[in-house]
Amino acid sequence: MLDMLDRKARELIECLDRWFREHGYPQDDTAVLHDLEQAIGDYLLWMRSKEYSSKTIEGYKQQLNQFFGFIKIRRFTWEGIFTLDTLKWFQKVRALKSAPALRGLSRYIFEQGKIRQPIPKRASQIDLPDIYEEYLAYHKQSRQVPYGQIRSIRRVLASFHDYLEKSKINLSHLRIEHVDAFLAEFNVGFSQDTKRTYRSYLRGFLSYLYQDRRIIKMDLAPLVVGAPLFAQAKPPKFLRPHEVEKLFAGLRLSSANDIRTYAMVHLAYFLGLRPAEISKISLDDISFSRAELTLRDRKSNNPIKLPLPEHTIKVIAAYLIGVRPNSKYRAIFLSFHPPHGPVSPGVVGHHITACMRQVGLSSSAYWLRHTYAQNLLEAGASIYEIKEMMGHDSIESTRKYLSIHIQLMREVLFDETL
């Protein structure tokens, strides 16, 4: 037993020596500890504002307090805290298999611009040539892409770079045949949805090479397409009239959260808004006198003014007057937890889906958007009018939202009055 303890002690001492040789000692760690304590407090408040479960928050709080104690009895630089080496050392000392709270904290601080990068996963520590890194930085800045998606794009580009290196192909001599050959090799075993996502990542990079950097002589992005899929398109999912009645009959108004969700459901069903659009509506976007909602930040970047039905106005007014927290933020829908920041699209989708499940509908928030499109079709709107109302970039996107209108088809083909 003593030999085993001695061996473990030696391993720990060697680990300490190695770490300090690489990172050194800061002159004064008082400021570092103060900043870390502040960051942990801010992160836990942010989790509450995003409506994480109390169980998750409590578990993260316990792990972060342990981490603070771990840092407190040692000496670290600020950047030295958020490294893979420090995480592995903490896991070894605390006998932990994983430390999700630390990774979450590092991502939160990274998003705030307080560290150069979050703690990476072992598999995602990928160094790429400058042109790839510059594209990732440009893409993140211009599109406001979250860190998780950037990490996925990095993995695809790393594999693409390895393929080109292995095949001795220079980027400036890239042809569509090379891209197709890479995708044929890389996409084996993935679902159709995943393949489509990876193709879109590659298209973005190819557009950058052609339009922004002029490294390739031809825009290859439009040529990156998948094989045609026949008879595999899933019909859009929407609610039938009796299901809509069931949903609205089952909506509760017994709590502040219920009233907020009720307003969200109205906007999703009567205006066909995406969860992301609902989350971004501000107090300045609604005109009660004109019964009008202005959508300034749409996925298609096409602002639009939409008429607000009278009952939707009343529901929104009830939420604003009755339960909306006082806050410095102008967003309409706020978290009920301090500091009462705007809710995320995920929170909107979660609450709408939850109330649908409560009344026995195995559906999601996007079903209401599909139902809105279907209602417009039944009301006689043209597909071009539906495209504008839905905020689609292309008419093809709108076609995918609409199922065959069985009732209208029977009227036309069989002269039936239904």
Protein backbone atom coordinates (compact mmCIF):
# COMPACT_ATOMS: atom_id res chain seq x y z
CA MET A 1 0.00 0.00 0.00
CA LEU A 2 2.81 2.43 0.91
CA ASP A 3 4.55 1.67 -2.39
CA MET A 4 1.36 2.46 -4.25
CA LEU A 5 0.93 5.76 -2.38
CA ASP A 6 4.58 6.66 -3.04
CA ARG A 7 4.13 5.95 -6.74
CA LYS A 8 1.00 8.10 -6.92
CA ALA A 9 2.75 10.90 -5.02
CA ARG A 10 5.70 10.78 -7.41
CA GLU A 11 3.32 10.87 -10.39
CA LEU A 12 1.54 13.89 -8.94
CA ILE A 13 4.82 15.71 -8.22
CA GLU A 14 6.00 15.00 -11.76
CA CYS A 15 2.69 16.32 -13.10
CA LEU A 16 3.11 19.48 -10.99
CA ASP A 17 6.68 20.00 -12.15
CA ARG A 18 5.67 19.55 -15.77
CA TRP A 19 2.80 22.01 -15.49
CA PHE A 20 4.87 24.72 -13.79
CA ARG A 21 7.69 24.33 -16.30
CA GLU A 22 5.18 25.00 -19.07
CA HIS A 23 3.08 27.74 -17.42
CA GLY A 24 5.25 29.33 -14.73
CA TYR A 25 4.05 31.25 -11.65
CA PRO A 26 2.19 34.54 -11.73
CA GLN A 27 3.54 37.27 -9.50
CA ASP A 28 0.21 37.95 -7.81
CA ASP A 29 -2.78 35.61 -7.93
CA THR A 30 -5.19 37.80 -5.91
CA ALA A 31 -6.63 39.45 -9.01
CA VAL A 32 -6.84 36.08 -10.78
CA LEU A 33 -8.88 34.56 -7.93
CA HIS A 34 -11.16 37.62 -7.83
CA ASP A 35 -11.78 37.41 -11.58
CA LEU A 36 -12.42 33.67 -11.41
CA GLU A 37 -14.89 34.04 -8.55
CA GLN A 38 -16.69 36.81 -10.44
CA ALA A 39 -16.77 34.74 -13.64
CA ILE A 40 -18.25 31.73 -11.81
CA GLY A 41 -20.97 33.90 -10.25
CA ASP A 42 -21.81 35.51 -13.60
CA TYR A 43 -21.90 32.14 -15.33
CA LEU A 44 -24.34 30.66 -12.80
CA LEU A 45 -26.59 33.73 -13.17
CA TRP A 46 -26.44 33.30 -16.94
CA MET A 47 -27.50 29.66 -16.57
CA ARG A 48 -30.53 30.76 -14.55
CA SER A 49 -31.38 33.39 -17.18
CA LYS A 50 -31.30 30.64 -19.82
CA GLU A 51 -33.59 28.54 -17.60
CA TYR A 52 -31.32 25.59 -16.99
CA SER A 53 -32.87 23.14 -14.56
CA SER A 54 -32.18 23.80 -10.87
CA LYS A 55 -30.61 20.34 -10.61
CA THR A 56 -28.09 21.14 -13.38
CA ILE A 57 -27.26 24.54 -11.90
CA GLU A 58 -26.69 23.03 -8.45
CA GLY A 59 -24.43 20.32 -9.90
CA TYR A 60 -22.40 22.89 -11.87
CA LYS A 61 -22.16 25.16 -8.81
CA GLN A 62 -20.74 22.35 -6.70
CA GLN A 63 -18.17 21.42 -9.35
CA LEU A 64 -17.14 25.05 -9.92
CA ASN A 65 -16.72 25.63 -6.18
CA GLN A 66 -14.43 22.60 -6.08
CA PHE A 67 -12.50 24.01 -9.02
CA PHE A 68 -12.17 27.41 -7.31
CA GLY A 69 -10.75 25.69 -4.23
CA PHE A 70 -8.36 23.74 -6.47
CA ILE A 71 -7.10 26.97 -8.08
CA LYS A 72 -6.98 28.85 -4.77
CA ILE A 73 -4.30 26.63 -3.21
CA ARG A 74 -2.14 26.81 -6.33
CA ARG A 75 -0.78 29.66 -8.45
CA PHE A 76 -2.06 30.21 -11.96
CA THR A 77 -2.08 32.85 -14.63
CA TRP A 78 -5.55 33.75 -15.95
CA GLU A 79 -4.94 32.03 -19.31
CA GLY A 80 -3.30 29.10 -17.50
CA ILE A 81 -6.58 28.30 -15.71
CA PHE A 82 -8.50 27.49 -18.87
CA THR A 83 -6.30 24.90 -20.53
CA LEU A 84 -6.65 21.20 -21.21
CA ASP A 85 -3.67 20.50 -18.93
CA THR A 86 -5.33 22.29 -16.00
CA LEU A 87 -8.59 20.45 -16.60
CA LYS A 88 -6.83 17.07 -16.66
CA TRP A 89 -4.92 17.95 -13.49
CA PHE A 90 -8.15 18.96 -11.72
CA GLN A 91 -9.87 15.75 -12.86
CA LYS A 92 -6.96 13.70 -11.57
CA VAL A 93 -6.92 15.40 -8.16
CA ARG A 94 -10.72 15.21 -7.75
CA ALA A 95 -11.01 11.73 -9.34
CA LEU A 96 -13.47 12.99 -11.97
CA LYS A 97 -14.12 11.36 -15.33
CA SER A 98 -15.45 14.58 -16.82
CA ALA A 99 -15.95 18.20 -15.81
CA PRO A 100 -18.75 19.70 -17.96
CA ALA A 101 -19.09 22.73 -15.67
CA LEU A 102 -15.51 23.82 -16.43
CA ARG A 103 -15.95 23.45 -20.16
CA GLY A 104 -19.21 25.41 -19.93
CA LEU A 105 -17.56 28.16 -17.90
CA SER A 106 -14.65 28.39 -20.35
CA ARG A 107 -17.06 28.67 -23.31
CA TYR A 108 -19.02 31.39 -21.50
CA ILE A 109 -15.85 33.39 -20.76
CA PHE A 110 -14.59 32.85 -24.30
CA GLU A 111 -17.87 34.20 -25.76
CA GLN A 112 -17.30 37.31 -23.59
CA GLY A 113 -13.85 37.78 -25.12
CA LYS A 114 -12.01 37.25 -21.81
CA ILE A 115 -9.87 34.31 -22.95
CA ARG A 116 -8.38 33.44 -26.33
CA GLN A 117 -10.10 30.06 -26.60
CA PRO A 118 -12.26 27.77 -24.45
CA ILE A 119 -10.93 24.52 -23.07
CA PRO A 120 -10.77 22.30 -26.16
CA LYS A 121 -11.83 18.70 -26.38
CA ARG A 122 -8.91 16.40 -26.96
CA ALA A 123 -10.13 15.42 -30.44
CA SER A 124 -10.86 18.99 -31.53
CA GLN A 125 -7.39 20.39 -30.92
CA ILE A 126 -6.75 20.81 -34.65
CA ASP A 127 -4.19 23.20 -36.08
CA LEU A 128 -4.97 24.34 -39.63
CA PRO A 129 -3.07 26.46 -42.18
CA ASP A 130 -3.67 30.21 -42.05
CA ILE A 131 -6.23 30.34 -44.86
CA TYR A 132 -8.52 27.96 -42.96
CA GLU A 133 -8.05 29.78 -39.65
CA GLU A 134 -8.74 33.12 -41.33
CA TYR A 135 -11.94 31.73 -42.84
CA LEU A 136 -13.14 30.40 -39.46
CA ALA A 137 -12.45 33.78 -37.84
CA TYR A 138 -14.22 35.61 -40.68
CA HIS A 139 -17.17 33.20 -40.59
CA LYS A 140 -17.59 33.53 -36.83
CA GLN A 141 -17.43 37.33 -36.96
CA SER A 142 -19.62 37.90 -40.03
CA ARG A 143 -22.26 35.28 -39.26
CA GLN A 144 -22.17 35.33 -35.44
CA VAL A 145 -21.82 31.54 -35.52
CA PRO A 146 -21.75 29.84 -32.09
CA TYR A 147 -18.58 28.11 -30.91
CA GLY A 148 -20.05 24.59 -31.22
CA GLN A 149 -20.79 25.04 -34.91
CA ILE A 150 -17.37 26.56 -35.57
CA ARG A 151 -15.87 23.46 -33.98
CA SER A 152 -17.90 21.23 -36.34
CA ILE A 153 -16.83 23.28 -39.37
CA ARG A 154 -13.22 23.02 -38.21
CA ARG A 155 -13.45 19.22 -38.16
CA VAL A 156 -14.79 19.09 -41.71
CA LEU A 157 -12.15 21.54 -42.98
CA ALA A 158 -9.40 19.62 -41.20
CA SER A 159 -10.44 16.43 -43.01
CA PHE A 160 -10.65 18.35 -46.30
CA HIS A 161 -7.16 19.76 -45.77
CA ASP A 162 -5.78 16.29 -44.96
CA TYR A 163 -7.37 14.91 -48.12
CA LEU A 164 -5.82 17.63 -50.28
CA GLU A 165 -2.41 17.14 -48.65
CA LYS A 166 -2.60 13.39 -49.15
CA SER A 167 -3.63 13.85 -52.79
CA LYS A 168 -1.03 16.61 -53.31
CA ILE A 169 -3.65 19.10 -54.49
CA ASN A 170 -3.03 22.81 -54.03
CA LEU A 171 -6.02 24.98 -53.11
CA SER A 172 -5.39 27.29 -56.07
CA HIS A 173 -5.77 24.30 -58.45
CA LEU A 174 -8.91 22.96 -56.80
CA ARG A 175 -11.60 21.53 -59.12
CA ILE A 176 -15.10 20.25 -58.42
CA GLU A 177 -13.89 16.70 -59.13
CA HIS A 178 -11.56 16.97 -56.13
CA VAL A 179 -14.38 18.23 -53.88
CA ASP A 180 -16.74 15.46 -55.02
CA ALA A 181 -14.07 12.81 -54.44
CA PHE A 182 -13.45 14.12 -50.92
CA LEU A 183 -17.16 14.15 -50.05
CA ALA A 184 -17.65 10.66 -51.44
CA GLU A 185 -14.93 9.45 -49.09
CA PHE A 186 -15.72 11.66 -46.08
CA ASN A 187 -19.53 11.32 -46.00
CA VAL A 188 -19.68 7.52 -45.97
CA GLY A 189 -21.93 6.30 -43.16
CA PHE A 190 -23.57 9.62 -42.32
CA SER A 191 -27.30 10.31 -42.54
CA GLN A 192 -28.68 12.40 -45.40
CA ASP A 193 -29.21 15.35 -43.04
CA THR A 194 -25.61 15.19 -41.79
CA LYS A 195 -24.28 14.93 -45.36
CA ARG A 196 -26.32 18.00 -46.29
CA THR A 197 -24.89 19.91 -43.33
CA TYR A 198 -21.30 19.00 -44.19
CA ARG A 199 -21.80 20.01 -47.81
CA SER A 200 -23.06 23.40 -46.64
CA TYR A 201 -19.94 23.84 -44.48
CA LEU A 202 -17.75 23.13 -47.50
CA ARG A 203 -19.78 25.44 -49.74
CA GLY A 204 -19.19 28.32 -47.32
CA PHE A 205 -15.43 27.77 -47.43
CA LEU A 206 -15.38 27.49 -51.24
CA SER A 207 -17.37 30.74 -51.58
CA TYR A 208 -14.83 32.43 -49.33
CA LEU A 209 -11.92 31.15 -51.45
CA TYR A 210 -13.53 32.52 -54.62
CA GLN A 211 -15.39 35.68 -53.62
CA ASP A 212 -13.29 37.04 -50.76
CA ARG A 213 -9.78 35.72 -51.40
CA ARG A 214 -9.74 35.01 -55.14
CA ILE A 215 -7.66 31.90 -54.50
CA ILE A 216 -9.68 29.73 -56.88
CA LYS A 217 -10.66 30.85 -60.37
CA MET A 218 -14.21 29.54 -60.36
CA ASP A 219 -16.99 29.56 -57.77
CA LEU A 220 -17.32 25.88 -56.93
CA ALA A 221 -19.88 26.34 -54.16
CA PRO A 222 -23.03 26.05 -56.35
CA LEU A 223 -21.64 22.82 -57.81
CA VAL A 224 -21.46 21.08 -54.44
CA VAL A 225 -24.76 19.21 -54.46
CA GLY A 226 -25.94 15.86 -53.22
CA ALA A 227 -27.32 13.02 -55.25
CA PRO A 228 -31.03 13.44 -56.07
CA LEU A 229 -33.35 11.73 -53.60
CA PHE A 230 -36.47 10.24 -55.13
CA ALA A 231 -39.61 9.60 -53.08
CA GLN A 232 -37.74 10.27 -49.85
CA ALA A 233 -38.91 13.78 -49.01
CA LYS A 234 -40.85 13.83 -45.75
CA PRO A 235 -44.17 15.63 -45.91
CA PRO A 236 -44.37 18.72 -43.70
CA LYS A 237 -45.91 18.11 -40.29
CA PHE A 238 -48.76 20.35 -39.28
CA LEU A 239 -51.75 20.30 -36.97
CA ARG A 240 -55.23 19.44 -38.15
CA PRO A 241 -58.15 21.66 -37.05
CA HIS A 242 -59.18 19.37 -34.18
CA GLU A 243 -55.57 19.30 -32.94
CA VAL A 244 -55.39 23.10 -33.01
CA GLU A 245 -58.58 23.24 -30.93
CA LYS A 246 -57.11 20.70 -28.51
CA LEU A 247 -53.94 22.76 -28.15
CA PHE A 248 -55.61 26.07 -27.40
CA ALA A 249 -58.19 24.45 -25.11
CA GLY A 250 -55.37 22.90 -23.09
CA LEU A 251 -53.22 26.03 -22.67
CA ARG A 252 -53.05 27.06 -19.05
CA LEU A 253 -52.88 30.58 -17.63
CA SER A 254 -52.17 29.78 -13.99
CA SER A 255 -48.60 31.09 -13.80
CA ALA A 256 -46.34 33.77 -15.27
CA ASN A 257 -44.61 31.11 -17.36
CA ASP A 258 -47.98 29.90 -18.71
CA ILE A 259 -48.94 33.44 -19.80
CA ARG A 260 -45.57 33.98 -21.49
CA THR A 261 -45.86 30.62 -23.31
CA TYR A 262 -49.44 31.45 -24.35
CA ALA A 263 -48.18 34.62 -26.08
CA MET A 264 -45.38 32.66 -27.79
CA VAL A 265 -47.85 30.06 -29.10
CA HIS A 266 -50.03 32.83 -30.55
CA LEU A 267 -47.09 34.32 -32.44
CA ALA A 268 -46.00 30.91 -33.74
CA TYR A 269 -49.48 29.86 -34.88
CA PHE A 270 -51.12 33.09 -36.09
CA LEU A 271 -47.98 34.66 -37.63
CA GLY A 272 -45.89 31.58 -38.42
CA LEU A 273 -42.83 32.92 -36.61
CA ARG A 274 -39.72 30.87 -35.98
CA PRO A 275 -38.57 30.46 -32.33
CA ALA A 276 -35.52 32.61 -33.19
CA GLU A 277 -37.78 35.41 -34.51
CA ILE A 278 -40.00 35.26 -31.42
CA SER A 279 -37.00 35.54 -29.13
CA LYS A 280 -35.75 38.68 -30.93
CA ILE A 281 -38.98 40.71 -30.91
CA SER A 282 -38.44 43.96 -29.00
CA LEU A 283 -40.84 46.44 -27.42
CA ASP A 284 -40.08 48.78 -30.32
CA ASP A 285 -41.31 46.24 -32.89
CA ILE A 286 -44.97 46.24 -31.84
CA SER A 287 -47.44 49.02 -32.68
CA PHE A 288 -50.63 48.48 -30.70
CA SER A 289 -52.32 51.46 -32.40
CA ARG A 290 -51.71 50.03 -35.90
CA ALA A 291 -52.05 46.38 -34.79
CA GLU A 292 -48.75 45.66 -36.49
CA LEU A 293 -45.54 43.76 -35.80
CA THR A 294 -42.28 44.72 -37.52
CA LEU A 295 -39.82 41.87 -37.97
CA ARG A 296 -36.41 43.47 -38.48
CA ASP A 297 -34.14 40.47 -38.01
CA ARG A 298 -35.33 37.60 -40.19
CA LYS A 299 -33.35 34.61 -41.39
CA SER A 300 -33.67 35.91 -44.96
CA ASN A 301 -32.59 39.44 -43.95
CA ASN A 302 -35.87 40.77 -45.41
CA PRO A 303 -37.66 42.95 -42.81
CA ILE A 304 -41.46 42.78 -42.98
CA LYS A 305 -44.53 44.28 -41.27
CA LEU A 306 -47.17 41.72 -40.27
CA PRO A 307 -50.73 42.45 -39.12
CA LEU A 308 -51.48 41.36 -35.57
CA PRO A 309 -54.83 39.65 -34.94
CA GLU A 310 -56.86 41.28 -32.16
CA HIS A 311 -56.70 38.26 -29.84
CA THR A 312 -52.90 38.05 -30.28
CA ILE A 313 -52.60 41.74 -29.31
CA LYS A 314 -54.63 41.07 -26.15
CA VAL A 315 -52.48 38.08 -25.21
CA ILE A 316 -49.24 40.06 -25.67
CA ALA A 317 -50.67 42.99 -23.69
CA ALA A 318 -51.66 40.64 -20.85
CA TYR A 319 -48.10 39.31 -20.72
CA LEU A 320 -46.49 42.78 -20.86
CA ILE A 321 -48.75 44.32 -18.23
CA GLY A 322 -49.17 41.33 -15.97
CA VAL A 323 -46.00 39.28 -15.76
CA ARG A 324 -43.10 40.65 -17.81
CA PRO A 325 -40.19 41.43 -15.41
CA ASN A 326 -38.78 44.94 -15.14
CA SER A 327 -35.51 44.93 -17.05
CA LYS A 328 -33.02 47.09 -18.90
CA TYR A 329 -33.50 44.83 -21.94
CA ARG A 330 -35.92 45.81 -24.72
CA ALA A 331 -36.72 42.24 -25.78
CA ILE A 332 -40.34 41.35 -25.12
CA PHE A 333 -39.76 37.84 -23.85
CA LEU A 334 -37.48 37.75 -20.82
CA SER A 335 -36.30 35.15 -18.38
CA PHE A 336 -38.02 35.19 -15.01
CA HIS A 337 -34.65 34.71 -13.30
CA PRO A 338 -32.26 37.62 -12.59
CA PRO A 339 -30.81 39.43 -14.46
CA HIS A 340 -33.98 38.95 -16.60
CA GLY A 341 -32.22 38.79 -19.95
CA PRO A 342 -33.81 37.89 -23.29
CA VAL A 343 -34.79 34.24 -23.71
CA SER A 344 -32.97 32.17 -26.32
CA PRO A 345 -34.62 30.52 -29.36
CA GLY A 346 -34.10 27.18 -27.61
CA VAL A 347 -36.12 28.33 -24.60
CA VAL A 348 -38.96 29.50 -26.87
CA GLY A 349 -39.01 26.18 -28.72
CA HIS A 350 -38.81 24.20 -25.48
CA HIS A 351 -41.81 25.88 -23.84
CA ILE A 352 -44.01 25.73 -26.95
CA THR A 353 -43.18 22.05 -27.45
CA ALA A 354 -43.78 21.32 -23.76
CA CYS A 355 -47.31 22.77 -23.78
CA MET A 356 -48.10 20.79 -26.95
CA ARG A 357 -46.93 17.58 -25.28
CA GLN A 358 -49.05 18.37 -22.21
CA VAL A 359 -52.21 18.10 -24.29
CA GLY A 360 -51.09 14.86 -25.92
CA LEU A 361 -49.71 16.21 -29.20
CA SER A 362 -46.42 14.57 -30.19
CA SER A 363 -45.35 17.67 -32.08
CA SER A 364 -42.82 20.49 -31.90
CA ALA A 365 -42.81 24.27 -32.14
CA TYR A 366 -42.09 24.19 -35.89
CA TRP A 367 -45.37 22.35 -36.52
CA LEU A 368 -47.16 25.62 -35.77
CA ARG A 369 -45.15 27.37 -38.47
CA HIS A 370 -46.03 24.60 -40.94
CA THR A 371 -49.68 24.90 -39.90
CA TYR A 372 -49.59 28.65 -40.56
CA ALA A 373 -48.30 28.03 -44.10
CA GLN A 374 -50.97 25.42 -44.68
CA ASN A 375 -53.67 27.81 -43.43
CA LEU A 376 -52.47 30.49 -45.88
CA LEU A 377 -52.70 27.96 -48.71
CA GLU A 378 -56.25 26.99 -47.72
CA ALA A 379 -57.21 30.68 -47.53
CA GLY A 380 -56.27 31.06 -51.20
CA ALA A 381 -52.86 32.74 -50.88
CA SER A 382 -50.45 32.15 -53.76
CA ILE A 383 -47.17 30.40 -53.12
CA TYR A 384 -45.38 33.71 -53.77
CA GLU A 385 -47.45 35.47 -51.10
CA ILE A 386 -46.75 32.61 -48.70
CA LYS A 387 -43.03 32.91 -49.47
CA GLU A 388 -43.05 36.58 -48.39
CA MET A 389 -45.09 35.94 -45.26
CA MET A 390 -42.83 33.05 -44.23
CA GLY A 391 -39.63 35.00 -44.90
CA HIS A 392 -38.10 32.42 -47.22
CA ASP A 393 -35.14 33.15 -49.50
CA SER A 394 -36.37 30.96 -52.33
CA ILE A 395 -39.67 29.61 -53.61
CA GLU A 396 -38.27 26.07 -53.22
CA SER A 397 -38.09 26.54 -49.47
CA THR A 398 -41.77 27.48 -49.47
CA ARG A 399 -42.76 24.45 -51.55
CA LYS A 400 -41.25 22.14 -48.95
CA TYR A 401 -43.50 23.65 -46.27
CA LEU A 402 -46.72 22.89 -48.12
CA SER A 403 -48.32 19.47 -48.36
CA ILE A 404 -50.81 18.48 -51.04
CA HIS A 405 -54.08 20.21 -50.28
CA ILE A 406 -56.39 17.18 -50.46
CA GLN A 407 -59.59 19.19 -50.10
CA LEU A 408 -58.80 21.59 -52.97
CA MET A 409 -57.62 18.70 -55.13
CA ARG A 410 -60.95 16.89 -54.75
CA GLU A 411 -62.86 20.06 -55.55
CA VAL A 412 -60.91 20.52 -58.80
CA LEU A 413 -60.74 16.88 -59.95
CA PHE A 414 -64.14 15.60 -58.87
CA ASP A 415 -66.20 18.81 -58.74
CA GLU A 416 -67.06 18.07 -55.12
CA THR A 417 -68.36 20.69 -52.75
CA LEU A 418 -66.75 20.09 -49.37
